[in-house]
N, C-alpha and C. Protein backbone atom coordinates (compact mmCIF):
# COMPACT_ATOMS: atom_id res chain seq x y z
N MET A 1 -71.33 -210.40 -139.10
CA MET A 1 -72.54 -211.08 -138.14
C MET A 1 -72.34 -210.69 -136.87
N GLN A 2 -73.14 -208.74 -135.95
CA GLN A 2 -73.61 -208.46 -134.68
C GLN A 2 -74.27 -208.79 -134.34
N ASN A 3 -74.64 -209.49 -133.33
CA ASN A 3 -75.52 -209.76 -132.49
C ASN A 3 -76.21 -208.65 -132.05
N GLN A 4 -77.87 -208.54 -131.97
CA GLN A 4 -78.58 -207.11 -131.42
C GLN A 4 -79.31 -207.87 -129.86
N PHE A 5 -78.95 -207.46 -129.15
CA PHE A 5 -79.89 -207.59 -128.01
C PHE A 5 -80.62 -206.65 -127.46
N TYR A 6 -82.04 -207.18 -127.14
CA TYR A 6 -82.91 -206.24 -126.57
C TYR A 6 -82.95 -205.70 -125.47
N VAL A 7 -82.38 -204.46 -124.68
CA VAL A 7 -82.75 -204.46 -123.11
C VAL A 7 -83.51 -203.34 -122.83
N PRO A 8 -84.43 -203.90 -122.23
CA PRO A 8 -85.62 -203.11 -121.65
C PRO A 8 -85.15 -202.04 -121.13
N VAL A 9 -85.78 -201.07 -120.57
CA VAL A 9 -85.49 -199.92 -119.46
C VAL A 9 -86.22 -200.12 -118.45
N THR A 10 -85.15 -200.24 -117.37
CA THR A 10 -85.78 -200.56 -116.28
C THR A 10 -86.66 -199.22 -115.98
N PRO A 11 -88.07 -199.32 -114.93
CA PRO A 11 -88.74 -197.92 -115.06
C PRO A 11 -88.10 -197.77 -113.14
N VAL A 12 -88.75 -196.28 -112.80
CA VAL A 12 -87.62 -195.89 -112.17
C VAL A 12 -88.61 -195.92 -111.01
N SER A 13 -87.94 -195.66 -109.62
CA SER A 13 -89.34 -195.06 -108.95
C SER A 13 -88.69 -194.41 -108.01
N PHE A 14 -89.79 -193.94 -107.17
CA PHE A 14 -89.06 -192.87 -106.39
C PHE A 14 -90.06 -192.76 -105.05
N PRO A 15 -90.27 -191.98 -103.58
CA PRO A 15 -90.81 -191.98 -103.04
C PRO A 15 -91.63 -191.12 -103.79
N ILE A 16 -92.99 -190.73 -102.99
CA ILE A 16 -93.93 -189.68 -103.05
C ILE A 16 -94.02 -189.36 -101.86
N ARG A 17 -94.04 -187.50 -101.39
CA ARG A 17 -94.62 -187.35 -100.06
C ARG A 17 -95.92 -186.44 -100.66
N MET A 18 -96.85 -187.26 -99.73
CA MET A 18 -97.70 -186.44 -99.39
C MET A 18 -98.67 -186.45 -97.89
N SER A 19 -99.49 -185.50 -97.97
CA SER A 19 -100.47 -184.97 -96.95
C SER A 19 -101.12 -186.37 -96.45
N HIS A 20 -101.68 -186.39 -95.09
CA HIS A 20 -102.62 -187.85 -94.66
C HIS A 20 -103.83 -187.71 -95.45
N GLU A 21 -104.07 -186.33 -95.75
CA GLU A 21 -105.96 -186.22 -96.45
C GLU A 21 -105.53 -186.43 -97.81
N LEU A 22 -104.99 -186.32 -98.64
CA LEU A 22 -104.47 -186.38 -100.01
C LEU A 22 -104.71 -187.96 -100.02
N HIS A 23 -103.57 -188.76 -99.54
CA HIS A 23 -103.15 -190.00 -99.40
C HIS A 23 -104.72 -190.64 -98.83
N GLU A 24 -105.58 -190.44 -97.39
CA GLU A 24 -107.15 -190.86 -97.93
C GLU A 24 -107.61 -190.79 -99.14
N GLU A 25 -107.53 -189.48 -99.58
CA GLU A 25 -108.53 -189.40 -101.04
C GLU A 25 -107.83 -190.66 -102.28
N PHE A 26 -106.45 -190.64 -102.38
CA PHE A 26 -105.83 -191.02 -103.18
C PHE A 26 -106.48 -192.79 -103.08
N SER A 27 -106.24 -193.04 -102.22
CA SER A 27 -106.71 -194.52 -101.73
C SER A 27 -108.03 -195.01 -101.91
N ARG A 28 -108.48 -193.26 -102.23
CA ARG A 28 -110.34 -193.91 -101.93
C ARG A 28 -110.52 -194.16 -103.33
N ILE A 29 -110.10 -193.53 -104.28
CA ILE A 29 -110.28 -193.16 -105.99
C ILE A 29 -109.66 -194.48 -106.31
N SER A 30 -108.27 -195.23 -105.97
CA SER A 30 -107.56 -196.38 -106.63
C SER A 30 -109.02 -197.52 -105.65
N ASN A 31 -109.52 -197.24 -104.75
CA ASN A 31 -109.81 -198.63 -104.24
C ASN A 31 -111.59 -198.65 -104.83
N GLU A 32 -111.92 -197.13 -105.38
CA GLU A 32 -112.95 -197.10 -105.95
C GLU A 32 -113.29 -197.39 -107.30
N THR A 33 -112.39 -197.10 -107.87
CA THR A 33 -112.16 -197.07 -109.61
C THR A 33 -111.40 -198.45 -109.58
N ARG A 34 -110.70 -199.24 -108.15
CA ARG A 34 -109.99 -200.44 -108.75
C ARG A 34 -109.16 -200.05 -110.14
N ILE A 35 -108.55 -199.06 -110.37
CA ILE A 35 -107.18 -198.39 -110.75
C ILE A 35 -105.83 -198.63 -109.73
N ASN A 36 -104.76 -199.08 -110.09
CA ASN A 36 -103.73 -199.09 -109.53
C ASN A 36 -103.45 -197.85 -109.25
N LYS A 37 -102.79 -197.47 -107.94
CA LYS A 37 -101.92 -196.00 -107.18
C LYS A 37 -101.32 -196.16 -108.61
N SER A 38 -99.93 -197.03 -108.48
CA SER A 38 -99.27 -196.80 -109.68
C SER A 38 -100.07 -195.90 -111.29
N VAL A 39 -100.51 -196.46 -111.86
CA VAL A 39 -101.16 -196.15 -112.38
C VAL A 39 -101.18 -194.19 -112.77
N LEU A 40 -102.44 -194.61 -111.55
CA LEU A 40 -102.96 -193.15 -111.11
C LEU A 40 -102.08 -191.95 -111.29
N VAL A 41 -100.87 -192.63 -110.45
CA VAL A 41 -99.80 -191.59 -110.44
C VAL A 41 -99.05 -191.04 -111.67
N ARG A 42 -98.82 -192.47 -112.29
CA ARG A 42 -98.16 -192.53 -113.66
C ARG A 42 -99.07 -191.16 -114.47
N THR A 43 -100.16 -191.80 -114.81
CA THR A 43 -101.53 -190.82 -115.69
C THR A 43 -101.16 -189.13 -115.59
N ALA A 44 -101.19 -189.37 -113.98
CA ALA A 44 -101.23 -187.75 -113.66
C ALA A 44 -100.42 -186.76 -113.65
N ILE A 45 -99.25 -187.76 -113.54
CA ILE A 45 -97.62 -187.03 -114.06
C ILE A 45 -97.78 -186.50 -115.07
N GLU A 46 -97.88 -187.84 -116.53
CA GLU A 46 -98.40 -188.08 -117.69
C GLU A 46 -98.67 -186.68 -117.77
N ARG A 47 -100.11 -186.17 -117.48
CA ARG A 47 -100.93 -185.14 -117.92
C ARG A 47 -100.39 -183.85 -117.16
N LEU A 48 -99.89 -183.79 -115.70
CA LEU A 48 -99.53 -182.86 -115.95
C LEU A 48 -98.11 -182.36 -116.42
N ILE A 49 -97.37 -183.37 -117.17
CA ILE A 49 -96.14 -182.38 -118.19
C ILE A 49 -97.10 -182.25 -119.43
N LYS A 50 -97.54 -182.72 -119.54
CA LYS A 50 -98.58 -182.33 -120.97
C LYS A 50 -99.09 -180.91 -120.83
N ASP A 51 -99.74 -180.66 -119.73
CA ASP A 51 -100.09 -179.63 -119.41
C ASP A 51 -99.24 -178.31 -119.71
N ILE A 52 -98.06 -178.26 -119.00
CA ILE A 52 -96.44 -177.94 -119.03
C ILE A 52 -96.58 -177.28 -120.14
N ASP A 53 -95.90 -178.47 -120.93
CA ASP A 53 -95.83 -178.64 -122.55
C ASP A 53 -96.20 -178.28 -123.03
N ASP A 54 -97.96 -178.06 -122.76
CA ASP A 54 -99.32 -177.10 -124.06
C ASP A 54 -99.23 -175.91 -123.22
N SER A 55 -99.28 -175.44 -122.02
CA SER A 55 -99.94 -174.27 -121.35
C SER A 55 -98.24 -173.13 -121.10
N GLY A 56 -97.15 -174.03 -120.74
CA GLY A 56 -96.59 -173.39 -119.88
C GLY A 56 -96.20 -173.86 -118.58
N ALA A 57 -95.10 -173.41 -118.02
CA ALA A 57 -95.28 -173.84 -116.38
C ALA A 57 -95.82 -172.72 -115.60
N LYS A 58 -95.61 -171.49 -116.16
CA LYS A 58 -96.11 -170.21 -115.38
C LYS A 58 -97.98 -170.59 -115.16
N GLN A 59 -98.77 -170.55 -116.54
CA GLN A 59 -99.71 -170.91 -116.81
C GLN A 59 -100.31 -171.99 -115.61
N VAL A 60 -99.87 -172.79 -115.67
CA VAL A 60 -100.27 -174.64 -115.08
C VAL A 60 -99.96 -173.86 -113.79
N ILE A 61 -98.94 -173.37 -112.75
CA ILE A 61 -98.70 -173.30 -111.66
C ILE A 61 -99.89 -171.99 -111.51
N ASN A 62 -99.91 -171.25 -112.31
CA ASN A 62 -101.14 -169.99 -111.55
C ASN A 62 -102.50 -170.63 -111.42
N SER A 63 -102.49 -172.22 -112.21
CA SER A 63 -104.04 -172.91 -112.24
C SER A 63 -104.34 -173.60 -110.95
N PHE A 64 -103.41 -174.03 -110.51
CA PHE A 64 -103.07 -174.28 -108.78
C PHE A 64 -103.51 -173.83 -108.19
N CYS A 65 -102.86 -172.27 -108.65
CA CYS A 65 -103.40 -171.11 -107.13
C CYS A 65 -104.71 -170.94 -106.75
N GLU A 66 -105.51 -171.11 -108.16
CA GLU A 66 -106.63 -170.17 -108.36
C GLU A 66 -107.59 -171.33 -108.02
N VAL A 67 -107.46 -172.27 -107.51
CA VAL A 67 -108.64 -173.60 -106.82
C VAL A 67 -108.33 -173.85 -105.64
């Protein structure tokens, strides 16, 4: 009989570079909502990936340009 072990996947971390202004807004939202910055970033990335999967990269990027 073989033993099976559960090996959890280690989360990946990487630095994110952003402007000072964006960091100020990001910190403000995190503080006001009391949502951890990691959760905010993860949620934003997941939403962006879903938008790209649903609408296509070209359309999503074009929507950024419209703003």
